[in-house]
Amino acid sequence: MSLIFHKLVQRDLRVVLRYYEEEGGPQLADRFFLELGSLVRDVELTPEKFHEVKNGLKRANMPNFPYHLLFSIHGQGVRILVLRHHRRHPRYGMSRK
């Protein structure tokens, strides 16, 4: 499957990495980034294994950080719409297409 990222996912990632770097140092930010990369690969290879949350959107949780990805499947591609903290308002990022 091909991956397509919503343009605001990069901003989501920068905010999270900045936070972890400031609060825990570069090693913690690196751990987050590596785990996210692993999750993105998992979503790319087996998107159907993740549960649907609403209207075709699926959720993939990070195992060791309180963040998740919301994505949709379109034909042979996966569109990642948002990187979101578990406690973020449930509607955050839901209007992204």
C-alpha atoms as a PDB file:
ATOM      1  CA  MET A   1       0.000   0.000   0.000  1.00  0.00           C
ATOM      2  CA  SER A   2       1.104   3.537  -0.584  1.00  0.00           C
ATOM      3  CA  LEU A   3       1.133   6.117   2.202  1.00  0.00           C
ATOM      4  CA  ILE A   4      -0.207   9.628   1.944  1.00  0.00           C
ATOM      5  CA  PHE A   5       0.131  12.037   4.862  1.00  0.00           C
ATOM      6  CA  HIS A   6      -2.179  14.970   5.457  1.00  0.00           C
ATOM      7  CA  LYS A   7      -0.097  18.146   5.353  1.00  0.00           C
ATOM      8  CA  LEU A   8      -0.804  18.882   9.050  1.00  0.00           C
ATOM      9  CA  VAL A   9       0.597  15.566  10.303  1.00  0.00           C
ATOM     10  CA  GLN A  10       4.089  17.045   9.994  1.00  0.00           C
ATOM     11  CA  ARG A  11       3.029  19.896  12.286  1.00  0.00           C
ATOM     12  CA  ASP A  12       1.519  17.398  14.742  1.00  0.00           C
ATOM     13  CA  LEU A  13       4.824  15.524  14.798  1.00  0.00           C
ATOM     14  CA  ARG A  14       6.954  18.658  15.274  1.00  0.00           C
ATOM     15  CA  VAL A  15       4.874  19.705  18.291  1.00  0.00           C
ATOM     16  CA  VAL A  16       5.216  16.283  19.939  1.00  0.00           C
ATOM     17  CA  LEU A  17       8.943  15.987  19.241  1.00  0.00           C
ATOM     18  CA  ARG A  18       9.590  19.477  20.585  1.00  0.00           C
ATOM     19  CA  TYR A  19       7.682  18.632  23.761  1.00  0.00           C
ATOM     20  CA  TYR A  20       9.548  15.366  24.371  1.00  0.00           C
ATOM     21  CA  GLU A  21      12.902  16.947  23.602  1.00  0.00           C
ATOM     22  CA  GLU A  22      12.273  19.811  26.041  1.00  0.00           C
ATOM     23  CA  GLU A  23      10.801  17.632  28.811  1.00  0.00           C
ATOM     24  CA  GLY A  24      12.827  14.441  28.473  1.00  0.00           C
ATOM     25  CA  GLY A  25      15.738  15.190  26.203  1.00  0.00           C
ATOM     26  CA  PRO A  26      16.752  14.156  22.704  1.00  0.00           C
ATOM     27  CA  GLN A  27      16.860  10.442  23.553  1.00  0.00           C
ATOM     28  CA  LEU A  28      13.187  10.427  24.515  1.00  0.00           C
ATOM     29  CA  ALA A  29      12.258  12.336  21.352  1.00  0.00           C
ATOM     30  CA  ASP A  30      14.268   9.811  19.329  1.00  0.00           C
ATOM     31  CA  ARG A  31      12.475   6.895  21.010  1.00  0.00           C
ATOM     32  CA  PHE A  32       9.134   8.474  20.137  1.00  0.00           C
ATOM     33  CA  PHE A  33      10.175   9.013  16.521  1.00  0.00           C
ATOM     34  CA  LEU A  34      11.420   5.430  16.116  1.00  0.00           C
ATOM     35  CA  GLU A  35       8.255   3.980  17.636  1.00  0.00           C
ATOM     36  CA  LEU A  36       6.106   6.156  15.413  1.00  0.00           C
ATOM     37  CA  GLY A  37       8.062   4.987  12.367  1.00  0.00           C
ATOM     38  CA  SER A  38       7.424   1.380  13.342  1.00  0.00           C
ATOM     39  CA  LEU A  39       3.705   2.068  13.766  1.00  0.00           C
ATOM     40  CA  VAL A  40       3.519   3.812  10.378  1.00  0.00           C
ATOM     41  CA  ARG A  41       5.150   0.769   8.729  1.00  0.00           C
ATOM     42  CA  ASP A  42       2.627  -1.491  10.472  1.00  0.00           C
ATOM     43  CA  VAL A  43      -0.248   0.679   9.226  1.00  0.00           C
ATOM     44  CA  GLU A  44       1.196   0.612   5.717  1.00  0.00           C
ATOM     45  CA  LEU A  45       1.591  -3.176   5.653  1.00  0.00           C
ATOM     46  CA  THR A  46      -1.562  -4.273   7.504  1.00  0.00           C
ATOM     47  CA  PRO A  47      -4.052  -1.398   7.743  1.00  0.00           C
ATOM     48  CA  GLU A  48      -7.037  -3.723   7.957  1.00  0.00           C
ATOM     49  CA  LYS A  49      -5.961  -5.074  11.358  1.00  0.00           C
ATOM     50  CA  PHE A  50      -6.718  -1.773  13.120  1.00  0.00           C
ATOM     51  CA  HIS A  51     -10.195  -1.036  14.422  1.00  0.00           C
ATOM     52  CA  GLU A  52     -12.540   1.489  12.893  1.00  0.00           C
ATOM     53  CA  VAL A  53     -13.525   4.415  15.111  1.00  0.00           C
ATOM     54  CA  LYS A  54     -15.902   6.333  12.873  1.00  0.00           C
ATOM     55  CA  ASN A  55     -16.985   6.606   9.237  1.00  0.00           C
ATOM     56  CA  GLY A  56     -14.111   4.555   7.804  1.00  0.00           C
ATOM     57  CA  LEU A  57     -11.442   6.108  10.048  1.00  0.00           C
ATOM     58  CA  LYS A  58      -9.162   3.643  11.775  1.00  0.00           C
ATOM     59  CA  ARG A  59      -7.039   4.145  14.875  1.00  0.00           C
ATOM     60  CA  ALA A  60      -3.525   2.842  15.484  1.00  0.00           C
ATOM     61  CA  ASN A  61      -2.183   3.272  19.023  1.00  0.00           C
ATOM     62  CA  MET A  62       1.468   3.690  19.891  1.00  0.00           C
ATOM     63  CA  PRO A  63       2.459   0.987  22.390  1.00  0.00           C
ATOM     64  CA  ASN A  64       4.628   3.094  24.723  1.00  0.00           C
ATOM     65  CA  PHE A  65       3.421   6.661  24.251  1.00  0.00           C
ATOM     66  CA  PRO A  66      -0.072   8.138  24.742  1.00  0.00           C
ATOM     67  CA  TYR A  67      -0.530   8.938  21.037  1.00  0.00           C
ATOM     68  CA  HIS A  68      -2.327   7.404  18.104  1.00  0.00           C
ATOM     69  CA  LEU A  69      -2.759   7.806  14.372  1.00  0.00           C
ATOM     70  CA  LEU A  70      -6.086   8.195  12.632  1.00  0.00           C
ATOM     71  CA  PHE A  71      -6.109   7.004   9.036  1.00  0.00           C
ATOM     72  CA  SER A  72      -8.349   5.837   6.221  1.00  0.00           C
ATOM     73  CA  ILE A  73      -7.896   3.296   3.451  1.00  0.00           C
ATOM     74  CA  HIS A  74      -8.485   4.435  -0.135  1.00  0.00           C
ATOM     75  CA  GLY A  75      -8.087   1.710  -2.748  1.00  0.00           C
ATOM     76  CA  GLN A  76      -4.442   0.659  -2.583  1.00  0.00           C
ATOM     77  CA  GLY A  77      -3.416   3.583  -0.381  1.00  0.00           C
ATOM     78  CA  VAL A  78      -3.513   4.656   3.244  1.00  0.00           C
ATOM     79  CA  ARG A  79      -4.087   8.308   4.128  1.00  0.00           C
ATOM     80  CA  ILE A  80      -2.792   9.264   7.578  1.00  0.00           C
ATOM     81  CA  LEU A  81      -4.824  12.210   8.792  1.00  0.00           C
ATOM     82  CA  VAL A  82      -3.707  13.011  12.320  1.00  0.00           C
ATOM     83  CA  LEU A  83      -1.213  12.210  15.063  1.00  0.00           C
ATOM     84  CA  ARG A  84      -3.126  12.832  18.263  1.00  0.00           C
ATOM     85  CA  HIS A  85      -2.646  12.510  22.027  1.00  0.00           C
ATOM     86  CA  HIS A  86      -5.106  10.100  23.651  1.00  0.00           C
ATOM     87  CA  ARG A  87      -6.516  12.900  25.825  1.00  0.00           C
ATOM     88  CA  ARG A  88      -6.910  15.380  22.987  1.00  0.00           C
ATOM     89  CA  HIS A  89     -10.497  16.344  22.216  1.00  0.00           C
ATOM     90  CA  PRO A  90     -12.079  13.492  20.203  1.00  0.00           C
ATOM     91  CA  ARG A  91     -12.974  15.819  17.338  1.00  0.00           C
ATOM     92  CA  TYR A  92      -9.402  17.103  16.917  1.00  0.00           C
ATOM     93  CA  GLY A  93      -8.325  16.331  13.378  1.00  0.00           C
ATOM     94  CA  MET A  94     -11.628  14.730  12.383  1.00  0.00           C
ATOM     95  CA  SER A  95     -12.342  17.367   9.736  1.00  0.00           C
ATOM     96  CA  ARG A  96      -9.123  16.592   7.862  1.00  0.00           C
ATOM     97  CA  LYS A  97      -9.630  14.905   4.512  1.00  0.00           C
END
